[in-house]
Protein backbone atom coordinates (compact mmCIF):
# COMPACT_ATOMS: atom_id res chain seq x y z
CA MET A 1 -19.66 32.06 31.85
CA LEU A 2 -18.31 33.27 28.58
CA ARG A 3 -21.01 33.31 25.92
CA LEU A 4 -19.44 34.13 22.58
CA VAL A 5 -16.03 33.72 20.99
CA ALA A 6 -14.37 37.12 20.63
CA THR A 7 -13.81 38.20 17.07
CA SER A 8 -10.78 40.37 17.58
CA LEU A 9 -7.37 39.53 18.96
CA CYS A 10 -7.66 42.45 21.36
CA ARG A 11 -10.83 41.09 22.93
CA ARG A 12 -9.31 37.63 23.16
CA CYS A 13 -6.37 39.07 25.05
CA GLN A 14 -8.74 40.81 27.43
CA ARG A 15 -10.51 37.54 28.15
CA ALA A 16 -7.29 35.67 28.64
CA THR A 17 -6.93 36.98 32.17
CA ALA A 18 -10.26 35.39 33.13
CA LEU A 19 -9.55 31.94 31.70
CA PRO A 20 -9.25 29.12 34.22
CA LEU A 21 -5.66 28.39 33.34
CA HIS A 22 -5.20 26.71 36.71
CA LEU A 23 -6.45 23.59 34.98
CA ARG A 24 -2.96 23.41 33.48
CA PRO A 25 -0.32 26.03 34.25
CA CYS A 26 1.37 25.54 30.88
CA ALA A 27 -1.74 26.29 28.80
CA THR A 28 -1.29 28.98 26.17
CA LEU A 29 -3.86 31.07 24.31
CA SER A 30 -3.69 31.25 20.53
CA SER A 31 -5.50 33.63 18.21
CA ALA A 32 -6.51 30.69 16.04
CA GLU A 33 -8.42 27.58 17.04
CA ASN A 34 -6.42 24.49 17.88
CA GLN A 35 -7.30 22.35 14.87
CA GLN A 36 -6.22 19.15 16.57
CA THR A 37 -8.72 19.82 19.34
CA VAL A 38 -11.46 20.74 16.88
CA GLU A 39 -10.90 17.61 14.78
CA ALA A 40 -10.71 15.36 17.82
CA LEU A 41 -14.03 16.75 19.10
CA TYR A 42 -15.58 16.28 15.67
CA ASP A 43 -14.42 12.66 15.67
CA LEU A 44 -16.17 12.20 19.02
CA SER A 45 -19.41 13.71 17.61
CA VAL A 46 -19.23 16.64 20.02
CA ASP A 47 -21.47 19.62 19.19
CA ILE A 48 -18.73 22.03 18.14
CA GLN A 49 -21.14 24.90 17.55
CA LYS A 50 -22.33 24.64 21.14
CA VAL A 51 -18.72 24.70 22.35
CA ARG A 52 -17.92 27.73 20.17
CA GLN A 53 -20.99 29.58 21.40
CA LEU A 54 -20.62 28.93 25.11
CA LYS A 55 -16.93 28.25 25.75
CA GLY A 56 -15.10 28.95 22.53
CA TRP A 57 -11.94 29.98 24.38
CA VAL A 58 -11.25 26.29 25.07
CA LEU A 59 -10.67 25.72 21.35
CA HIS A 60 -7.86 28.30 21.40
CA GLN A 61 -5.89 26.51 24.14
CA SER A 62 -2.80 24.43 23.57
CA PRO A 63 -1.93 21.73 24.37
CA ALA A 64 -5.21 19.86 24.87
CA TYR A 65 -5.85 16.23 25.78
CA THR A 66 -9.10 15.41 24.02
CA LYS A 67 -8.20 11.83 23.15
CA GLU A 68 -6.89 11.13 26.65
CA VAL A 69 -10.13 12.41 28.25
CA ALA A 70 -12.23 10.29 25.90
CA ASP A 71 -10.08 7.21 26.55
CA LEU A 72 -10.37 7.63 30.32
CA LEU A 73 -14.16 7.96 30.13
CA LYS A 74 -14.43 5.06 27.71
CA ASP A 75 -12.28 2.92 30.02
CA MET A 76 -14.83 3.58 32.78
CA GLY A 77 -17.63 2.36 30.53
CA ALA A 78 -18.94 5.65 29.13
CA SER A 79 -20.63 5.34 25.73
CA GLY A 80 -19.78 7.56 22.79
CA SER A 81 -22.93 9.64 23.24
CA ILE A 82 -22.21 10.22 26.93
CA ILE A 83 -18.64 11.30 26.16
CA ALA A 84 -19.94 13.70 23.52
CA ARG A 85 -22.45 15.22 25.96
CA ILE A 86 -19.83 15.65 28.69
CA LEU A 87 -17.37 17.38 26.37
CA ALA A 88 -20.04 19.58 24.79
CA GLY A 89 -21.21 20.80 28.19
CA HIS A 90 -17.80 20.98 29.85
CA PRO A 91 -15.12 21.24 27.13
CA GLU A 92 -12.60 22.50 29.73
CA ALA A 93 -12.08 18.82 30.52
CA VAL A 94 -9.71 18.56 27.55
CA LEU A 95 -7.32 20.94 29.33
CA CYS A 96 -6.79 18.56 32.25
CA HIS A 97 -3.45 16.77 32.20
CA PRO A 98 -3.77 12.95 31.95
CA GLU A 99 -1.92 12.44 35.25
CA GLN A 100 -4.32 14.83 36.93
CA MET A 101 -7.33 13.00 35.50
CA GLN A 102 -6.00 9.65 36.66
CA ALA A 103 -5.41 11.03 40.16
CA GLN A 104 -9.01 12.31 40.22
CA ARG A 105 -10.28 8.94 39.08
CA GLU A 106 -8.47 7.14 41.89
CA LEU A 107 -9.66 9.70 44.42
CA TRP A 108 -13.31 9.44 43.36
CA MET A 109 -13.22 5.67 43.26
CA SER A 110 -12.26 5.64 46.94
CA VAL A 111 -15.87 6.75 47.65
CA CYS A 112 -17.59 5.60 44.46
CA PRO A 113 -15.97 2.33 43.37
CA LYS A 114 -18.48 1.45 40.64
CA HIS A 115 -17.50 2.83 37.24
CA LYS A 116 -21.09 3.06 36.03
CA GLU A 117 -22.11 5.25 38.97
CA LEU A 118 -18.99 7.40 38.62
CA VAL A 119 -19.68 8.00 34.93
CA GLY A 120 -23.21 9.07 35.83
CA ILE A 121 -21.81 11.57 38.34
CA ILE A 122 -19.31 12.95 35.82
CA GLU A 123 -22.10 13.36 33.27
CA LYS A 124 -24.16 15.42 35.74
CA PHE A 125 -21.29 17.23 37.50
CA PRO A 126 -18.29 17.31 35.13
CA ALA A 127 -16.79 20.40 36.76
CA SER A 128 -16.56 18.51 40.05
CA PHE A 129 -14.43 15.78 38.48
CA PHE A 130 -12.28 17.80 36.08
CA THR A 131 -10.91 20.18 38.68
CA SER A 132 -7.61 21.78 39.58
CA SER A 133 -4.79 19.55 40.78
CA SER A 134 -4.00 22.19 43.41
CA HIS A 135 -7.10 21.03 45.32
CA HIS A 136 -6.10 17.36 45.38
CA ASP A 137 -4.66 17.32 48.90
CA ASN A 138 -7.68 19.17 50.30
CA GLN A 139 -10.02 16.74 48.55
CA ARG A 140 -8.17 13.75 49.99
CA ASN A 141 -8.15 15.23 53.50
CA ASN A 142 -11.87 16.09 53.36
CA ILE A 143 -12.77 12.61 52.11
CA ALA A 144 -10.82 11.10 55.02
CA TYR A 145 -12.57 13.42 57.46
CA PHE A 146 -16.11 12.64 56.27
CA GLN A 147 -15.33 8.95 56.24
CA SER A 148 -14.11 9.28 59.84
CA LEU A 149 -17.64 10.46 60.70
CA ASN A 150 -18.87 7.09 59.38
CA LEU A 151 -21.01 8.82 56.79
CA ASN A 152 -22.40 6.66 54.01
CA LYS A 153 -20.15 6.65 50.93
CA ARG A 154 -23.09 7.77 48.82
CA ILE A 155 -23.47 10.86 50.99
CA VAL A 156 -19.76 11.69 50.66
CA THR A 157 -20.01 11.19 46.89
CA LYS A 158 -23.04 13.47 46.69
CA LEU A 159 -21.21 16.15 48.68
CA MET A 160 -18.19 15.96 46.37
CA ALA A 161 -20.37 16.15 43.28
CA SER A 162 -22.90 18.83 44.17
CA ALA A 163 -20.75 21.02 46.45
CA PRO A 164 -17.16 20.57 45.23
CA GLN A 165 -16.13 23.87 46.82
CA SER A 166 -16.49 22.29 50.25
CA PHE A 167 -13.90 19.66 49.29
CA SER A 168 -11.43 22.00 47.64
CA ARG A 169 -10.99 24.09 50.79
CA PRO A 170 -9.00 23.18 53.94
CA VAL A 171 -10.56 20.39 55.98
CA GLU A 172 -10.50 22.53 59.15
CA GLN A 173 -13.31 24.72 57.77
CA ASN A 174 -15.60 21.72 57.28
CA GLU A 175 -14.67 20.35 60.70
CA LEU A 176 -15.75 23.63 62.31
CA MET A 177 -19.15 23.69 60.57
CA VAL A 178 -19.86 20.03 61.30
CA ARG A 179 -18.99 20.53 64.99
CA THR A 180 -21.34 23.53 65.05
CA LEU A 181 -24.19 21.45 63.59
CA GLN A 182 -23.52 18.58 65.99
CA GLN A 183 -23.38 20.95 68.96
CA ALA A 184 -26.67 22.60 67.93
CA TYR A 185 -28.30 19.16 67.63
CA GLN A 186 -27.09 18.15 71.10
CA ASP A 187 -27.97 21.48 72.73
CA LEU A 188 -31.52 21.16 71.39
CA GLY A 189 -31.93 17.74 72.96
CA GLY A 190 -31.20 15.56 69.94
CA ASP A 191 -30.62 11.86 70.60
CA GLU A 192 -26.91 11.07 70.43
CA ALA A 193 -27.65 7.67 68.89
CA ASN A 194 -29.47 9.31 65.95
CA MET A 195 -26.98 12.13 65.34
CA LYS A 196 -25.15 10.39 62.49
CA VAL A 197 -28.41 9.72 60.62
CA TRP A 198 -29.58 13.28 61.29
CA LEU A 199 -26.32 14.75 59.98
CA GLN A 200 -26.41 12.54 56.88
CA LYS A 201 -29.93 13.68 56.03
CA LEU A 202 -29.07 17.33 56.57
CA LEU A 203 -25.92 17.18 54.41
CA SER A 204 -27.59 15.20 51.63
CA GLN A 205 -30.55 17.58 51.45
CA ASN A 206 -28.43 20.72 51.39
CA PRO A 207 -24.69 20.08 50.82
CA PHE A 208 -24.05 23.83 50.66
CA VAL A 209 -24.66 24.15 54.39
CA LEU A 210 -20.95 23.42 54.82
CA LEU A 211 -20.04 26.62 53.00
CA LYS A 212 -21.93 28.87 55.41
CA PRO A 213 -20.29 30.59 58.41
CA PRO A 214 -21.12 28.73 61.66
CA GLU A 215 -22.18 32.04 63.22
CA VAL A 216 -25.15 32.22 60.81
CA LEU A 217 -26.61 29.03 62.30
CA ARG A 218 -26.19 30.32 65.85
CA GLN A 219 -27.79 33.69 65.07
CA ASN A 220 -30.80 32.12 63.37
CA LEU A 221 -31.45 29.67 66.20
CA LEU A 222 -31.11 32.47 68.74
CA PHE A 223 -33.61 34.61 66.81
CA LEU A 224 -36.15 31.77 66.64
CA ARG A 225 -35.70 31.05 70.34
CA ASP A 226 -36.46 34.72 71.06
CA LYS A 227 -39.65 34.33 69.02
CA GLY A 228 -40.92 31.80 71.53
CA PHE A 229 -39.98 28.45 69.97
CA SER A 230 -39.12 25.86 72.60
CA THR A 231 -35.99 23.70 72.50
CA ALA A 232 -37.94 20.73 71.16
CA GLU A 233 -39.63 22.91 68.54
CA LEU A 234 -36.28 24.34 67.45
CA LEU A 235 -34.98 20.81 66.93
CA ARG A 236 -38.04 20.03 64.80
CA LEU A 237 -37.45 23.19 62.79
CA LEU A 238 -33.75 22.48 62.35
CA SER A 239 -34.58 18.99 61.08
CA LYS A 240 -37.45 20.12 58.84
CA LEU A 241 -35.58 23.09 57.39
CA ARG A 242 -32.62 20.77 56.84
CA GLY A 243 -29.50 22.75 55.97
CA PHE A 244 -31.60 25.62 54.65
CA VAL A 245 -31.64 27.13 58.13
CA THR A 246 -28.26 28.64 57.19
CA GLU A 247 -29.82 30.35 54.15
CA LEU A 248 -31.93 32.51 56.45
CA ASN A 249 -31.12 35.61 58.43
CA PRO A 250 -32.93 37.36 61.31
CA ASP A 251 -33.95 40.40 59.24
CA SER A 252 -35.63 38.40 56.48
CA MET A 253 -37.35 36.11 58.99
CA ARG A 254 -38.59 39.12 60.98
CA ARG A 255 -40.21 40.61 57.86
CA THR A 256 -41.71 37.30 56.79
CA LEU A 257 -43.14 36.53 60.22
CA ALA A 258 -44.64 40.02 60.56
CA TYR A 259 -46.25 39.80 57.11
CA SER A 260 -47.59 36.28 57.68
CA GLN A 261 -49.09 37.14 61.05
CA ASP A 262 -50.72 40.29 59.71
CA THR A 263 -52.11 38.56 56.62
CA MET A 264 -53.50 35.53 58.42
CA GLY A 265 -54.67 37.49 61.45
CA CYS A 266 -53.28 34.98 63.91
CA SER A 267 -51.64 35.18 67.31
CA GLU A 268 -47.91 34.58 67.85
CA ALA A 269 -48.65 31.13 69.26
CA GLU A 270 -50.80 30.24 66.22
CA LEU A 271 -48.07 31.55 63.93
CA ARG A 272 -45.51 29.29 65.62
CA ASP A 273 -47.78 26.28 65.01
CA ILE A 274 -48.13 27.28 61.36
CA ILE A 275 -44.34 27.58 61.02
CA LEU A 276 -43.85 24.17 62.60
CA ASP A 277 -46.29 22.67 60.07
CA CYS A 278 -44.77 24.60 57.16
CA PRO A 279 -41.21 25.82 57.91
CA ALA A 280 -40.89 26.93 54.29
CA VAL A 281 -42.89 30.03 55.23
CA LEU A 282 -39.77 31.25 57.03
CA TYR A 283 -37.65 31.57 53.90
CA TYR A 284 -40.23 32.83 51.40
CA PRO A 285 -39.97 36.63 50.89
CA ASP A 286 -43.20 38.49 51.64
CA ILE A 287 -43.62 39.28 47.92
CA ILE A 288 -43.76 35.54 47.16
CA LEU A 289 -46.13 34.87 50.04
CA ALA A 290 -48.39 37.71 48.88
CA GLU A 291 -48.65 36.17 45.42
CA ARG A 292 -49.50 32.76 46.87
CA PHE A 293 -52.09 34.11 49.28
CA ARG A 294 -53.74 35.98 46.37
CA GLY A 295 -53.76 32.85 44.25
CA LEU A 296 -55.34 30.70 46.96
CA LEU A 297 -57.93 33.28 47.99
CA GLY A 298 -58.73 34.00 44.35
CA ALA A 299 -59.49 30.30 43.86
CA GLY A 300 -62.16 30.51 46.55
CA ILE A 301 -60.08 29.02 49.35
CA SER A 302 -60.63 30.61 52.74
CA MET A 303 -57.95 31.94 55.08
CA SER A 304 -59.07 29.47 57.74
CA GLN A 305 -58.38 26.62 55.31
CA ILE A 306 -54.90 28.00 54.60
CA LYS A 307 -54.18 28.25 58.34
CA GLU A 308 -55.36 24.67 58.79
CA THR A 309 -53.16 23.39 55.92
CA PRO A 310 -50.35 25.96 55.52
CA THR A 311 -48.24 23.60 53.40
CA VAL A 312 -50.29 24.74 50.38
CA LEU A 313 -48.17 27.91 50.54
CA GLU A 314 -45.28 25.83 49.21
CA LEU A 315 -47.12 25.56 45.87
CA THR A 316 -47.04 28.23 43.18
CA ALA A 317 -50.30 29.80 42.02
CA GLN A 318 -49.97 28.00 38.67
CA ILE A 319 -49.66 24.59 40.35
CA VAL A 320 -52.57 25.31 42.69
CA ASN A 321 -54.85 26.37 39.82
CA TYR A 322 -53.92 23.33 37.74
CA ARG A 323 -54.57 20.94 40.61
CA ILE A 324 -57.85 22.60 41.54
CA GLN A 325 -59.04 22.18 37.93
CA ARG A 326 -57.99 18.52 37.92
CA LEU A 327 -59.84 17.88 41.17
CA ARG A 328 -62.94 19.68 39.90
CA VAL A 329 -63.07 17.26 36.98
CA HIS A 330 -63.17 14.44 39.53
CA GLY A 331 -66.01 16.15 41.38
CA TYR A 332 -63.93 17.41 44.29
CA ASP A 333 -64.42 20.99 45.47
CA VAL A 334 -61.47 22.30 47.51
CA ARG A 335 -63.59 25.17 48.79
CA THR A 336 -65.57 22.77 50.95
CA GLY A 337 -63.06 19.94 51.39
CA SER A 338 -59.58 19.49 52.80
CA LEU A 339 -56.61 21.13 51.11
CA GLU A 340 -54.38 18.17 51.92
CA VAL A 341 -55.19 16.68 48.53
CA LEU A 342 -53.44 19.63 46.87
CA ASN A 343 -50.16 18.99 48.64
CA GLY A 344 -47.13 16.97 47.70
CA THR A 345 -45.05 16.35 44.62
CA LYS A 346 -46.54 15.85 41.17
CA LYS A 347 -46.43 12.09 41.73
CA ASP A 348 -48.13 12.45 45.14
CA PHE A 349 -50.89 14.56 43.62
CA GLU A 350 -51.46 12.16 40.72
CA THR A 351 -51.82 9.32 43.21
CA SER A 352 -54.26 11.17 45.48
CA SER A 353 -56.37 12.52 42.61
CA GLY A 354 -56.45 9.02 41.08
CA LYS A 355 -57.83 7.65 44.34
CA LEU A 356 -60.58 10.28 44.25
CA LEU A 357 -61.51 9.18 40.74
CA LEU A 358 -61.67 5.52 41.76
CA ARG A 359 -63.79 6.42 44.78
CA ARG A 360 -66.16 8.32 42.52
CA GLU A 361 -66.48 5.55 39.91
CA ARG A 362 -66.61 2.54 42.25
CA PRO A 363 -70.20 1.73 43.36
CA ILE A 364 -70.77 1.52 47.10
CA PHE A 365 -71.52 -2.09 48.12
CA ASN A 366 -74.48 -2.47 50.44
CA PRO A 367 -74.19 -5.85 52.24
CA VAL A 368 -77.88 -5.92 53.24
CA ALA A 369 -79.34 -5.03 49.87
CA PRO A 370 -81.06 -7.95 48.08
CA LEU A 371 -79.07 -9.45 45.22
CA LYS A 372 -80.55 -9.20 41.78
CA ALA A 373 -81.30 -12.57 40.25
CA ASP A 374 -82.09 -13.48 36.70
CA TYR A 375 -85.29 -15.52 36.30
């Protein structure tokens, strides 16, 4: 991402080769800012200084379609403040030709028919909406393919928004990866009736799985099988790791497993049980695991406790220390109690620690104790 506007014509010319001119083939670069663009952005209350600092090259492009972008967003129900935020964060949108924007709108509405929801997606993922017209056919073909799998429209929309690269490439590449995932699920004994739901969860949790080579998935499953995981356990791992199984590789897993086993002093069978309880251990580098072990042990937690509740390794040392302090205030000592109370999201922890506080403050009712009476 370009950070600063170049101050000399020479440097601007050097940057010109890197500009995403595919947004509009007829775009031209000027040494001076396009005043019409600047004024139109001012009128829309866009933070011009932010644009100049982060993507100032946009202001030197001509022609630009600032009014047309704003009108399209307004027509979909976007407020003035939302339009200003979108254009401040992704000013390249003004370089999209109106016909191209309208085509994108129609395409997106085929999976996200509600304007309010579509505006929310554009606000979060503007680059996914304001994209090159050269990808339009691939986008249409990929949408048709994912709909043919009977995937929920929300899942397809999320894929388009968060992993637009997977929709801009030929549909055959996505077909190959999806077939590989489906085949792995079936080979590991997955229930055919649940495969659609399983695939939806996997794709929604990690849309970037589609961009990985199918061979990566096969190699990782083969490595884990060689480590003694059964077919049923591999299916559990594949489901728990979601699409992140494709982010791994045998070398990194080998190092992580060796470090974890050595640190915890457990057998290979015990290590497999720990991995099944906390698959995240597989993709943490040993340097991260070392820091987390030090943090837990330094807080007085024993290694046996960690082995019993390995999911605490998903928490950073800072989070662990904060939660331990909060629990101590409520009279709970993790050194002698279960570590389960440390786990979960911030909301989960607030709920569990709140229950501990209520339990501490609420008097225990004894049904056989005599009632006090006033005489």
